[in-house]
N, C-alpha and C. Protein backbone atom coordinates (compact mmCIF):
# COMPACT_ATOMS: atom_id res chain seq x y z
N MET A 1 0.75 -1.36 0.10
CA MET A 1 -0.11 0.11 0.01
C MET A 1 0.93 1.30 -0.16
N ALA A 2 0.15 2.42 -0.90
CA ALA A 2 1.01 3.72 -0.37
C ALA A 2 1.49 4.02 0.82
N ILE A 3 2.76 4.64 0.97
CA ILE A 3 2.85 4.92 2.15
C ILE A 3 2.94 6.67 2.22
N THR A 4 3.53 7.03 1.29
CA THR A 4 3.91 9.03 1.28
C THR A 4 2.40 9.46 0.90
N LYS A 5 2.75 10.68 1.10
CA LYS A 5 1.38 11.18 1.07
C LYS A 5 1.07 11.64 -0.82
N SER A 6 1.98 11.86 -1.29
CA SER A 6 1.85 12.06 -3.00
C SER A 6 1.40 10.39 -3.46
N ALA A 7 1.84 9.31 -2.95
CA ALA A 7 1.69 8.04 -3.11
C ALA A 7 -0.12 7.53 -3.03
N LYS A 8 -0.42 8.36 -2.00
CA LYS A 8 -1.84 7.96 -1.49
C LYS A 8 -2.53 8.89 -2.40
N LYS A 9 -2.26 9.63 -2.93
CA LYS A 9 -3.20 10.65 -3.80
C LYS A 9 -2.56 10.10 -5.21
N SER A 10 -1.83 9.71 -5.67
CA SER A 10 -1.75 9.22 -6.66
C SER A 10 -2.45 7.95 -6.88
N HIS A 11 -2.33 7.04 -6.07
CA HIS A 11 -3.35 5.66 -6.15
C HIS A 11 -4.98 6.37 -5.83
N LYS A 12 -5.41 7.24 -5.12
CA LYS A 12 -6.67 7.88 -5.12
C LYS A 12 -7.23 8.02 -6.74
N ARG A 13 -6.00 8.88 -7.13
CA ARG A 13 -6.26 9.27 -8.70
C ARG A 13 -6.68 8.02 -9.67
N SER A 14 -5.72 7.29 -9.25
CA SER A 14 -5.91 5.93 -10.77
C SER A 14 -6.82 5.16 -10.19
N ILE A 15 -7.42 5.31 -8.97
CA ILE A 15 -8.62 4.31 -9.29
C ILE A 15 -10.35 5.11 -9.97
N VAL A 16 -9.88 6.65 -9.88
CA VAL A 16 -11.05 7.47 -10.74
C VAL A 16 -10.71 7.53 -11.96
N LEU A 17 -9.28 7.24 -12.13
CA LEU A 17 -9.49 7.30 -13.88
C LEU A 17 -9.52 5.82 -14.09
N ARG A 18 -9.60 4.79 -13.79
CA ARG A 18 -10.05 3.30 -14.26
C ARG A 18 -11.43 3.57 -13.89
N ALA A 19 -11.80 3.99 -13.02
CA ALA A 19 -13.29 4.07 -13.50
C ALA A 19 -14.02 4.66 -15.02
N ARG A 20 -13.20 5.71 -14.82
CA ARG A 20 -13.66 6.55 -16.05
C ARG A 20 -13.34 5.66 -17.21
N ASN A 21 -12.44 5.02 -17.50
CA ASN A 21 -11.71 4.27 -18.70
C ASN A 21 -12.56 3.38 -18.68
N LEU A 22 -13.09 2.12 -17.57
CA LEU A 22 -14.05 1.17 -17.82
C LEU A 22 -14.74 1.89 -18.67
N THR A 23 -15.80 2.76 -18.31
CA THR A 23 -16.91 3.25 -18.56
C THR A 23 -16.93 3.25 -20.19
N PHE A 24 -16.21 4.00 -20.51
CA PHE A 24 -15.55 4.20 -22.02
C PHE A 24 -15.49 2.82 -22.88
N LYS A 25 -14.88 2.08 -22.22
CA LYS A 25 -14.23 0.70 -22.81
C LYS A 25 -15.59 -0.33 -22.61
N MET A 26 -16.37 -0.52 -21.62
CA MET A 26 -17.49 -0.93 -21.82
C MET A 26 -18.56 -0.47 -22.93
N ALA A 27 -18.97 0.64 -22.89
CA ALA A 27 -19.38 1.28 -23.71
C ALA A 27 -19.16 0.84 -25.35
N MET A 28 -17.65 0.91 -25.26
CA MET A 28 -17.65 0.43 -26.73
C MET A 28 -17.59 -1.25 -26.81
N LYS A 29 -17.31 -1.95 -25.69
CA LYS A 29 -17.57 -3.32 -25.89
C LYS A 29 -19.35 -3.44 -26.31
N LYS A 30 -20.27 -2.65 -25.39
CA LYS A 30 -21.48 -3.08 -25.73
C LYS A 30 -21.62 -2.84 -27.25
N ALA A 31 -21.25 -1.59 -27.58
CA ALA A 31 -21.80 -0.99 -29.05
C ALA A 31 -21.12 -2.33 -30.39
N ILE A 32 -20.07 -2.74 -30.11
CA ILE A 32 -19.61 -3.70 -30.71
C ILE A 32 -20.29 -5.15 -30.59
N LYS A 33 -20.99 -5.25 -29.56
CA LYS A 33 -22.02 -6.70 -29.39
C LYS A 33 -23.11 -6.29 -30.03
N ASP A 34 -23.78 -5.35 -29.97
CA ASP A 34 -24.96 -4.84 -30.58
C ASP A 34 -24.64 -5.04 -32.29
N VAL A 35 -23.80 -4.52 -32.32
CA VAL A 35 -23.61 -4.84 -34.29
C VAL A 35 -23.49 -6.21 -34.20
N LYS A 36 -22.86 -6.95 -33.79
CA LYS A 36 -22.58 -8.70 -34.16
C LYS A 36 -23.88 -8.99 -33.82
N LYS A 37 -24.69 -8.64 -32.75
CA LYS A 37 -26.14 -9.46 -32.86
C LYS A 37 -26.83 -9.06 -34.14
N ALA A 38 -26.98 -7.86 -34.05
CA ALA A 38 -27.57 -7.30 -35.36
C ALA A 38 -27.68 -7.80 -36.40
N ILE A 39 -26.03 -8.29 -36.50
CA ILE A 39 -26.00 -8.96 -37.95
C ILE A 39 -26.57 -10.34 -38.13
N ALA A 40 -26.19 -11.14 -37.09
CA ALA A 40 -26.32 -12.56 -36.42
C ALA A 40 -27.96 -12.73 -36.49
N GLU A 41 -28.53 -11.79 -36.01
CA GLU A 41 -30.09 -11.97 -36.51
C GLU A 41 -30.63 -11.38 -37.63
N LYS A 42 -29.95 -11.20 -38.60
CA LYS A 42 -30.50 -10.82 -40.21
C LYS A 42 -31.38 -9.25 -39.78
N LYS A 43 -30.91 -8.38 -39.09
CA LYS A 43 -31.79 -7.01 -39.15
C LYS A 43 -31.59 -6.97 -40.58
N ASP A 44 -32.29 -5.29 -40.50
CA ASP A 44 -32.48 -4.46 -41.54
C ASP A 44 -31.46 -3.78 -41.98
N ALA A 45 -30.81 -4.01 -43.17
CA ALA A 45 -29.30 -3.10 -43.50
C ALA A 45 -29.34 -1.87 -42.61
N GLY A 46 -30.57 -0.93 -42.63
CA GLY A 46 -30.52 0.39 -42.06
C GLY A 46 -30.34 0.41 -40.60
N ASP A 47 -31.10 -0.51 -39.84
CA ASP A 47 -30.63 -0.77 -38.60
C ASP A 47 -29.34 -0.95 -38.64
N VAL A 48 -28.54 -2.39 -38.96
CA VAL A 48 -27.10 -2.29 -39.00
C VAL A 48 -25.97 -1.07 -39.13
N MET A 49 -26.56 -0.31 -40.08
CA MET A 49 -25.92 0.68 -40.79
C MET A 49 -25.72 1.75 -39.10
N GLU A 50 -26.69 1.93 -38.51
CA GLU A 50 -27.04 2.83 -37.52
C GLU A 50 -26.02 2.19 -36.41
N LEU A 51 -26.42 1.12 -36.10
CA LEU A 51 -25.62 0.48 -35.02
C LEU A 51 -24.07 0.36 -35.44
N LEU A 52 -23.60 0.31 -36.58
CA LEU A 52 -22.51 0.53 -36.87
C LEU A 52 -21.87 1.76 -36.94
N ARG A 53 -22.62 2.54 -36.78
CA ARG A 53 -22.08 4.44 -36.56
C ARG A 53 -21.90 4.67 -35.39
N VAL A 54 -22.75 4.21 -34.13
CA VAL A 54 -23.12 4.18 -33.04
C VAL A 54 -21.63 3.49 -32.30
N ALA A 55 -21.09 2.41 -32.97
CA ALA A 55 -19.97 1.37 -32.62
C ALA A 55 -18.68 2.35 -32.93
N TYR A 56 -18.51 2.81 -34.39
CA TYR A 56 -17.76 3.70 -34.62
C TYR A 56 -17.29 4.72 -33.57
N SER A 57 -18.66 5.54 -33.04
CA SER A 57 -18.11 6.26 -32.17
C SER A 57 -17.94 6.34 -31.09
N ALA A 58 -18.53 4.75 -30.52
CA ALA A 58 -17.69 4.49 -29.18
C ALA A 58 -16.05 4.24 -29.52
N ILE A 59 -16.01 3.63 -30.13
CA ILE A 59 -14.67 3.51 -31.02
C ILE A 59 -13.43 4.71 -30.67
N ASP A 60 -14.07 5.44 -31.39
CA ASP A 60 -13.04 6.36 -31.58
C ASP A 60 -13.08 7.01 -30.23
N LYS A 61 -14.29 7.25 -29.85
CA LYS A 61 -13.78 8.11 -28.23
C LYS A 61 -12.90 6.98 -27.26
N ALA A 62 -12.99 5.70 -27.52
CA ALA A 62 -12.06 5.33 -26.42
C ALA A 62 -10.60 5.28 -27.44
N LYS A 63 -10.47 5.43 -28.40
CA LYS A 63 -9.45 5.89 -29.41
C LYS A 63 -8.76 7.27 -28.58
N LYS A 64 -9.50 7.79 -28.50
CA LYS A 64 -9.19 9.44 -28.48
C LYS A 64 -8.71 9.57 -27.09
N ARG A 65 -9.11 8.81 -26.01
CA ARG A 65 -9.04 8.98 -24.59
C ARG A 65 -7.59 7.79 -24.19
N ASN A 66 -7.34 7.28 -25.14
CA ASN A 66 -5.75 6.55 -25.14
C ASN A 66 -6.33 5.48 -24.41
N ILE A 67 -7.53 4.77 -24.34
CA ILE A 67 -8.02 3.34 -23.53
C ILE A 67 -7.56 1.94 -24.34
N ILE A 68 -7.84 2.45 -26.33
CA ILE A 68 -7.07 1.41 -27.00
C ILE A 68 -6.06 1.84 -27.89
N HIS A 69 -5.29 1.67 -28.27
CA HIS A 69 -4.41 1.81 -29.57
C HIS A 69 -4.99 2.37 -30.35
N LYS A 70 -4.47 2.99 -31.55
CA LYS A 70 -5.11 3.65 -32.62
C LYS A 70 -5.38 2.07 -33.90
N ASN A 71 -4.21 1.59 -33.72
CA ASN A 71 -4.29 0.41 -34.43
C ASN A 71 -5.29 -0.53 -34.39
N ASN A 72 -5.83 -0.62 -33.00
CA ASN A 72 -6.35 -1.70 -32.72
C ASN A 72 -8.21 -1.19 -32.75
N ALA A 73 -8.08 0.45 -32.51
CA ALA A 73 -9.43 1.07 -32.89
C ALA A 73 -9.73 0.58 -34.10
N ALA A 74 -8.46 0.94 -35.05
CA ALA A 74 -9.09 0.81 -36.58
C ALA A 74 -9.04 -0.85 -36.96
N ARG A 75 -8.28 -2.03 -36.40
CA ARG A 75 -8.73 -2.98 -36.57
C ARG A 75 -10.03 -3.30 -36.29
N LYS A 76 -10.54 -2.79 -35.31
CA LYS A 76 -12.14 -3.35 -34.59
C LYS A 76 -12.82 -2.28 -36.00
N LYS A 77 -12.58 -1.44 -36.22
CA LYS A 77 -13.45 -0.65 -37.07
C LYS A 77 -14.09 -1.44 -38.43
N SER A 78 -12.64 -1.82 -39.06
CA SER A 78 -12.42 -2.31 -40.33
C SER A 78 -13.17 -3.78 -39.97
N ARG A 79 -12.74 -4.66 -39.37
CA ARG A 79 -13.76 -5.89 -39.08
C ARG A 79 -15.08 -5.86 -39.08
N LEU A 80 -16.03 -4.72 -38.31
CA LEU A 80 -17.01 -4.56 -38.04
C LEU A 80 -17.38 -4.14 -39.44
N ASN A 81 -16.95 -3.67 -40.12
CA ASN A 81 -17.58 -3.04 -41.36
C ASN A 81 -17.57 -4.08 -42.73
N THR A 82 -16.05 -5.29 -42.33
CA THR A 82 -16.48 -6.11 -43.16
C THR A 82 -17.61 -7.12 -42.67
N MET A 83 -17.47 -7.50 -41.71
CA MET A 83 -18.72 -8.21 -41.16
C MET A 83 -20.11 -7.63 -41.41
N ALA A 84 -20.36 -6.30 -41.51
CA ALA A 84 -21.99 -5.64 -42.16
C ALA A 84 -21.99 -6.09 -43.58
N LYS A 85 -20.98 -5.87 -44.18
CA LYS A 85 -20.84 -5.83 -45.83
C LYS A 85 -20.66 -7.76 -46.47
N VAL A 86 -20.54 -8.09 -45.30
CA VAL A 86 -21.04 -9.67 -46.11
C VAL A 86 -22.26 -10.02 -45.88
N ALA A 87 -22.53 -9.54 -44.23
CA ALA A 87 -24.08 -9.53 -44.28
C ALA A 87 -25.18 -9.34 -44.94
N SER A 88 -24.79 -7.96 -45.44
CA SER A 88 -25.75 -7.33 -46.46
C SER A 88 -26.06 -7.93 -47.66
N ALA A 89 -24.62 -8.57 -48.15
CA ALA A 89 -24.64 -9.19 -49.69
C ALA A 89 -25.36 -10.80 -49.51
């Protein structure tokens, strides 16, 4: 456990930041799951595209806050887009 005053403050801050990061990460994961579920259930193309737009937004927000790496974000978006194209074809 932290001993010095600054280490205690740092630990408290890391807990706050972790909670904030987890909200963005969970939002991103939920958006991705929603897209995959819609594709699996063969939903209307318009519905899938709307969910895809929401997922892109969530991924970009996580990337902007350095929760995920930019290449990881690009890979996730690319794979979702490919899945949506294959499903609509």
